[in-house]
């Protein structure tokens, strides 16, 4: 996926491989009132809180 998105970065989130794409997207409901894309720290923070609540998610 990182190869398809020119602004994407390969990362690890909670021990799993991930792709961070900090651009406007309707797939993730994180919007700033000033129309600026969310910062990477905000996206990673949300992912670290939400992903473990998904049934079947394992840490590492």
PDB file of N, CA and C in Angstrom:
ATOM      1  N   UNK A   1       0.824  -1.189   0.000  1.00  0.00           N
ATOM      2  CA  UNK A   1       0.000   0.000   0.000  1.00  0.00           C
ATOM      3  C   UNK A   1       0.870   1.255   0.000  1.00  0.00           C
ATOM      4  N   UNK A   2       1.965   1.228   0.744  1.00  0.00           N
ATOM      5  CA  UNK A   2       2.832   2.403   0.810  1.00  0.00           C
ATOM      6  C   UNK A   2       3.364   2.782  -0.562  1.00  0.00           C
ATOM      7  N   UNK A   3       3.546   1.798  -1.420  1.00  0.00           N
ATOM      8  CA  UNK A   3       4.052   2.079  -2.760  1.00  0.00           C
ATOM      9  C   UNK A   3       3.026   2.813  -3.626  1.00  0.00           C
ATOM     10  N   UNK A   4       1.741   2.669  -3.314  1.00  0.00           N
ATOM     11  CA  UNK A   4       0.692   3.304  -4.098  1.00  0.00           C
ATOM     12  C   UNK A   4       0.435   4.748  -3.695  1.00  0.00           C
ATOM     13  N   UNK A   5       0.758   5.090  -2.479  1.00  0.00           N
ATOM     14  CA  UNK A   5       0.487   6.425  -1.959  1.00  0.00           C
ATOM     15  C   UNK A   5       1.805   7.164  -1.818  1.00  0.00           C
ATOM     16  N   UNK A   6       2.016   8.192  -2.603  1.00  0.00           N
ATOM     17  CA  UNK A   6       3.334   8.836  -2.627  1.00  0.00           C
ATOM     18  C   UNK A   6       3.681   9.565  -1.339  1.00  0.00           C
ATOM     19  N   UNK A   7       2.727   9.826  -0.461  1.00  0.00           N
ATOM     20  CA  UNK A   7       3.049  10.471   0.816  1.00  0.00           C
ATOM     21  C   UNK A   7       3.016   9.478   1.975  1.00  0.00           C
ATOM     22  N   UNK A   8       2.817   8.200   1.680  1.00  0.00           N
ATOM     23  CA  UNK A   8       2.708   7.189   2.740  1.00  0.00           C
ATOM     24  C   UNK A   8       4.077   6.829   3.302  1.00  0.00           C
ATOM     25  N   UNK A   9       4.061   6.434   4.569  1.00  0.00           N
ATOM     26  CA  UNK A   9       5.282   6.024   5.262  1.00  0.00           C
ATOM     27  C   UNK A   9       5.049   4.665   5.906  1.00  0.00           C
ATOM     28  N   UNK A  10       5.996   3.765   5.749  1.00  0.00           N
ATOM     29  CA  UNK A  10       5.911   2.473   6.424  1.00  0.00           C
ATOM     30  C   UNK A  10       6.221   2.683   7.898  1.00  0.00           C
ATOM     31  N   UNK A  11       5.389   2.130   8.763  1.00  0.00           N
ATOM     32  CA  UNK A  11       5.532   2.259  10.219  1.00  0.00           C
ATOM     33  C   UNK A  11       5.203   0.936  10.877  1.00  0.00           C
ATOM     34  N   UNK A  12       5.365   0.902  12.176  1.00  0.00           N
ATOM     35  CA  UNK A  12       4.896  -0.196  13.010  1.00  0.00           C
ATOM     36  C   UNK A  12       3.979   0.397  14.065  1.00  0.00           C
ATOM     37  N   UNK A  13       2.800  -0.187  14.212  1.00  0.00           N
ATOM     38  CA  UNK A  13       1.842   0.274  15.214  1.00  0.00           C
ATOM     39  C   UNK A  13       1.494  -0.911  16.096  1.00  0.00           C
ATOM     40  N   UNK A  14       1.779  -0.781  17.363  1.00  0.00           N
ATOM     41  CA  UNK A  14       1.507  -1.841  18.329  1.00  0.00           C
ATOM     42  C   UNK A  14       2.074  -3.190  17.891  1.00  0.00           C
ATOM     43  N   UNK A  15       3.251  -3.150  17.307  1.00  0.00           N
ATOM     44  CA  UNK A  15       3.927  -4.372  16.897  1.00  0.00           C
ATOM     45  C   UNK A  15       3.508  -4.920  15.544  1.00  0.00           C
ATOM     46  N   UNK A  16       2.635  -4.248  14.832  1.00  0.00           N
ATOM     47  CA  UNK A  16       2.169  -4.702  13.526  1.00  0.00           C
ATOM     48  C   UNK A  16       2.662  -3.758  12.438  1.00  0.00           C
ATOM     49  N   UNK A  17       2.979  -4.277  11.244  1.00  0.00           N
ATOM     50  CA  UNK A  17       3.349  -3.393  10.140  1.00  0.00           C
ATOM     51  C   UNK A  17       2.155  -2.522   9.772  1.00  0.00           C
ATOM     52  N   UNK A  18       2.425  -1.269   9.438  1.00  0.00           N
ATOM     53  CA  UNK A  18       1.362  -0.329   9.118  1.00  0.00           C
ATOM     54  C   UNK A  18       1.846   0.658   8.072  1.00  0.00           C
ATOM     55  N   UNK A  19       0.908   1.360   7.482  1.00  0.00           N
ATOM     56  CA  UNK A  19       1.203   2.426   6.547  1.00  0.00           C
ATOM     57  C   UNK A  19       0.525   3.678   7.078  1.00  0.00           C
ATOM     58  N   UNK A  20       1.294   4.751   7.225  1.00  0.00           N
ATOM     59  CA  UNK A  20       0.764   6.032   7.690  1.00  0.00           C
ATOM     60  C   UNK A  20       0.603   6.941   6.480  1.00  0.00           C
ATOM     61  N   UNK A  21      -0.624   7.388   6.264  1.00  0.00           N
ATOM     62  CA  UNK A  21      -0.920   8.256   5.125  1.00  0.00           C
ATOM     63  C   UNK A  21      -1.635   9.488   5.672  1.00  0.00           C
ATOM     64  N   UNK A  22      -0.909  10.560   5.887  1.00  0.00           N
ATOM     65  CA  UNK A  22      -1.450  11.771   6.504  1.00  0.00           C
ATOM     66  C   UNK A  22      -1.944  12.749   5.446  1.00  0.00           C
ATOM     67  N   UNK A  23      -2.987  12.370   4.778  1.00  0.00           N
ATOM     68  CA  UNK A  23      -3.571  13.235   3.764  1.00  0.00           C
ATOM     69  C   UNK A  23      -5.082  13.183   3.948  1.00  0.00           C
ATOM     70  N   UNK A  24      -5.784  14.046   3.264  1.00  0.00           N
ATOM     71  CA  UNK A  24      -7.241  14.030   3.386  1.00  0.00           C
ATOM     72  C   UNK A  24      -7.776  12.693   2.902  1.00  0.00           C
ATOM     73  N   UNK A  25      -8.674  12.120   3.682  1.00  0.00           N
ATOM     74  CA  UNK A  25      -9.276  10.842   3.333  1.00  0.00           C
ATOM     75  C   UNK A  25     -10.627  10.732   4.009  1.00  0.00           C
ATOM     76  N   UNK A  26     -11.580  10.111   3.336  1.00  0.00           N
ATOM     77  CA  UNK A  26     -12.877   9.918   3.970  1.00  0.00           C
ATOM     78  C   UNK A  26     -12.925   8.590   4.718  1.00  0.00           C
ATOM     79  N   UNK A  27     -11.894   7.781   4.586  1.00  0.00           N
ATOM     80  CA  UNK A  27     -11.871   6.490   5.265  1.00  0.00           C
ATOM     81  C   UNK A  27     -11.599   6.628   6.757  1.00  0.00           C
ATOM     82  N   UNK A  28     -10.989   7.698   7.165  1.00  0.00           N
ATOM     83  CA  UNK A  28     -10.685   7.930   8.578  1.00  0.00           C
ATOM     84  C   UNK A  28     -11.389   9.214   8.990  1.00  0.00           C
ATOM     85  N   UNK A  29     -12.285   9.145   9.993  1.00  0.00           N
ATOM     86  CA  UNK A  29     -13.115  10.322  10.361  1.00  0.00           C
ATOM     87  C   UNK A  29     -12.390  11.241  11.325  1.00  0.00           C
ATOM     88  N   UNK A  30     -11.165  11.702  10.952  1.00  0.00           N
ATOM     89  CA  UNK A  30     -10.415  12.666  11.762  1.00  0.00           C
ATOM     90  C   UNK A  30     -10.235  13.896  10.900  1.00  0.00           C
ATOM     91  N   UNK A  31     -10.976  14.933  11.211  1.00  0.00           N
ATOM     92  CA  UNK A  31     -10.920  16.166  10.426  1.00  0.00           C
ATOM     93  C   UNK A  31     -10.623  17.321  11.356  1.00  0.00           C
ATOM     94  N   UNK A  32      -9.842  18.237  10.902  1.00  0.00           N
ATOM     95  CA  UNK A  32      -9.559  19.451  11.657  1.00  0.00           C
ATOM     96  C   UNK A  32     -10.484  20.549  11.162  1.00  0.00           C
ATOM     97  N   UNK A  33     -10.899  21.413  12.058  1.00  0.00           N
ATOM     98  CA  UNK A  33     -11.796  22.499  11.680  1.00  0.00           C
ATOM     99  C   UNK A  33     -11.135  23.493  10.746  1.00  0.00           C
ATOM    100  N   UNK A  34      -9.811  23.540  10.731  1.00  0.00           N
ATOM    101  CA  UNK A  34      -9.112  24.488   9.865  1.00  0.00           C
ATOM    102  C   UNK A  34      -8.757  23.881   8.503  1.00  0.00           C
ATOM    103  N   UNK A  35      -9.293  22.705   8.197  1.00  0.00           N
ATOM    104  CA  UNK A  35      -9.113  22.013   6.915  1.00  0.00           C
ATOM    105  C   UNK A  35      -7.684  21.541   6.652  1.00  0.00           C
ATOM    106  N   UNK A  36      -6.831  21.567   7.649  1.00  0.00           N
ATOM    107  CA  UNK A  36      -5.473  21.044   7.519  1.00  0.00           C
ATOM    108  C   UNK A  36      -5.522  19.558   7.839  1.00  0.00           C
ATOM    109  N   UNK A  37      -4.693  18.779   7.166  1.00  0.00           N
ATOM    110  CA  UNK A  37      -4.677  17.338   7.453  1.00  0.00           C
ATOM    111  C   UNK A  37      -4.214  17.101   8.885  1.00  0.00           C
ATOM    112  N   UNK A  38      -4.687  16.009   9.522  1.00  0.00           N
ATOM    113  CA  UNK A  38      -4.254  15.713  10.891  1.00  0.00           C
ATOM    114  C   UNK A  38      -2.768  15.401  10.927  1.00  0.00           C
ATOM    115  N   UNK A  39      -2.140  15.700  12.045  1.00  0.00           N
ATOM    116  CA  UNK A  39      -0.715  15.403  12.136  1.00  0.00           C
ATOM    117  C   UNK A  39      -0.501  13.922  12.428  1.00  0.00           C
ATOM    118  N   UNK A  40       0.694  13.448  12.141  1.00  0.00           N
ATOM    119  CA  UNK A  40       1.012  12.034  12.297  1.00  0.00           C
ATOM    120  C   UNK A  40       0.796  11.547  13.723  1.00  0.00           C
ATOM    121  N   UNK A  41       1.148  12.349  14.703  1.00  0.00           N
ATOM    122  CA  UNK A  41       0.995  11.940  16.098  1.00  0.00           C
ATOM    123  C   UNK A  41      -0.468  11.688  16.437  1.00  0.00           C
ATOM    124  N   UNK A  42      -1.364  12.513  15.912  1.00  0.00           N
ATOM    125  CA  UNK A  42      -2.797  12.327  16.172  1.00  0.00           C
ATOM    126  C   UNK A  42      -3.293  11.024  15.551  1.00  0.00           C
ATOM    127  N   UNK A  43      -2.887  10.757  14.317  1.00  0.00           N
ATOM    128  CA  UNK A  43      -3.306   9.517  13.662  1.00  0.00           C
ATOM    129  C   UNK A  43      -2.790   8.287  14.395  1.00  0.00           C
ATOM    130  N   UNK A  44      -1.534   8.315  14.785  1.00  0.00           N
ATOM    131  CA  UNK A  44      -0.961   7.178  15.510  1.00  0.00           C
ATOM    132  C   UNK A  44      -1.619   6.988  16.866  1.00  0.00           C
ATOM    133  N   UNK A  45      -1.932   8.070  17.542  1.00  0.00           N
ATOM    134  CA  UNK A  45      -2.599   7.994  18.843  1.00  0.00           C
ATOM    135  C   UNK A  45      -3.976   7.346  18.716  1.00  0.00           C
ATOM    136  N   UNK A  46      -4.730   7.751  17.710  1.00  0.00           N
ATOM    137  CA  UNK A  46      -6.051   7.160  17.495  1.00  0.00           C
ATOM    138  C   UNK A  46      -5.913   5.674  17.160  1.00  0.00           C
ATOM    139  N   UNK A  47      -4.991   5.339  16.293  1.00  0.00           N
ATOM    140  CA  UNK A  47      -4.785   3.935  15.920  1.00  0.00           C
ATOM    141  C   UNK A  47      -4.436   3.085  17.142  1.00  0.00           C
ATOM    142  N   UNK A  48      -3.576   3.595  18.011  1.00  0.00           N
ATOM    143  CA  UNK A  48      -3.164   2.833  19.190  1.00  0.00           C
ATOM    144  C   UNK A  48      -4.305   2.642  20.180  1.00  0.00           C
ATOM    145  N   UNK A  49      -5.297   3.515  20.160  1.00  0.00           N
ATOM    146  CA  UNK A  49      -6.455   3.379  21.052  1.00  0.00           C
ATOM    147  C   UNK A  49      -7.550   2.515  20.429  1.00  0.00           C
ATOM    148  N   UNK A  50      -7.746   2.635  19.128  1.00  0.00           N
ATOM    149  CA  UNK A  50      -8.861   1.957  18.467  1.00  0.00           C
ATOM    150  C   UNK A  50      -8.533   0.521  18.086  1.00  0.00           C
ATOM    151  N   UNK A  51      -7.367   0.285  17.515  1.00  0.00           N
ATOM    152  CA  UNK A  51      -7.051  -1.053  17.006  1.00  0.00           C
ATOM    153  C   UNK A  51      -7.201  -2.165  18.046  1.00  0.00           C
ATOM    154  N   UNK A  52      -6.731  -1.989  19.283  1.00  0.00           N
ATOM    155  CA  UNK A  52      -6.882  -3.080  20.252  1.00  0.00           C
ATOM    156  C   UNK A  52      -8.343  -3.415  20.607  1.00  0.00           C
ATOM    157  N   UNK A  53      -9.296  -2.546  20.273  1.00  0.00           N
ATOM    158  CA  UNK A  53     -10.703  -2.813  20.567  1.00  0.00           C
ATOM    159  C   UNK A  53     -11.371  -3.649  19.480  1.00  0.00           C
ATOM    160  N   UNK A  54     -10.682  -3.891  18.377  1.00  0.00           N
ATOM    161  CA  UNK A  54     -11.242  -4.672  17.283  1.00  0.00           C
ATOM    162  C   UNK A  54     -11.132  -6.156  17.624  1.00  0.00           C
ATOM    163  N   UNK A  55     -12.250  -6.898  17.560  1.00  0.00           N
ATOM    164  CA  UNK A  55     -12.187  -8.331  17.861  1.00  0.00           C
ATOM    165  C   UNK A  55     -11.161  -9.032  16.979  1.00  0.00           C
ATOM    166  N   UNK A  56     -10.354  -9.876  17.602  1.00  0.00           N
ATOM    167  CA  UNK A  56      -9.342 -10.618  16.889  1.00  0.00           C
ATOM    168  C   UNK A  56      -8.007  -9.909  16.760  1.00  0.00           C
ATOM    169  N   UNK A  57      -7.958  -8.640  17.163  1.00  0.00           N
ATOM    170  CA  UNK A  57      -6.689  -7.895  17.093  1.00  0.00           C
ATOM    171  C   UNK A  57      -5.745  -8.467  18.135  1.00  0.00           C
ATOM    172  N   UNK A  58      -4.522  -8.729  17.755  1.00  0.00           N
ATOM    173  CA  UNK A  58      -3.521  -9.215  18.712  1.00  0.00           C
ATOM    174  C   UNK A  58      -2.374  -8.249  18.772  1.00  0.00           C
ATOM    175  N   UNK A  59      -1.801  -8.057  19.915  1.00  0.00           N
ATOM    176  CA  UNK A  59      -0.661  -7.148  20.085  1.00  0.00           C
ATOM    177  C   UNK A  59       0.628  -7.878  19.764  1.00  0.00           C
ATOM    178  N   UNK A  60       1.153  -7.609  18.578  1.00  0.00           N
ATOM    179  CA  UNK A  60       2.429  -8.182  18.193  1.00  0.00           C
ATOM    180  C   UNK A  60       2.252  -9.503  17.557  1.00  0.00           C
TER     181      UNK A  60
END
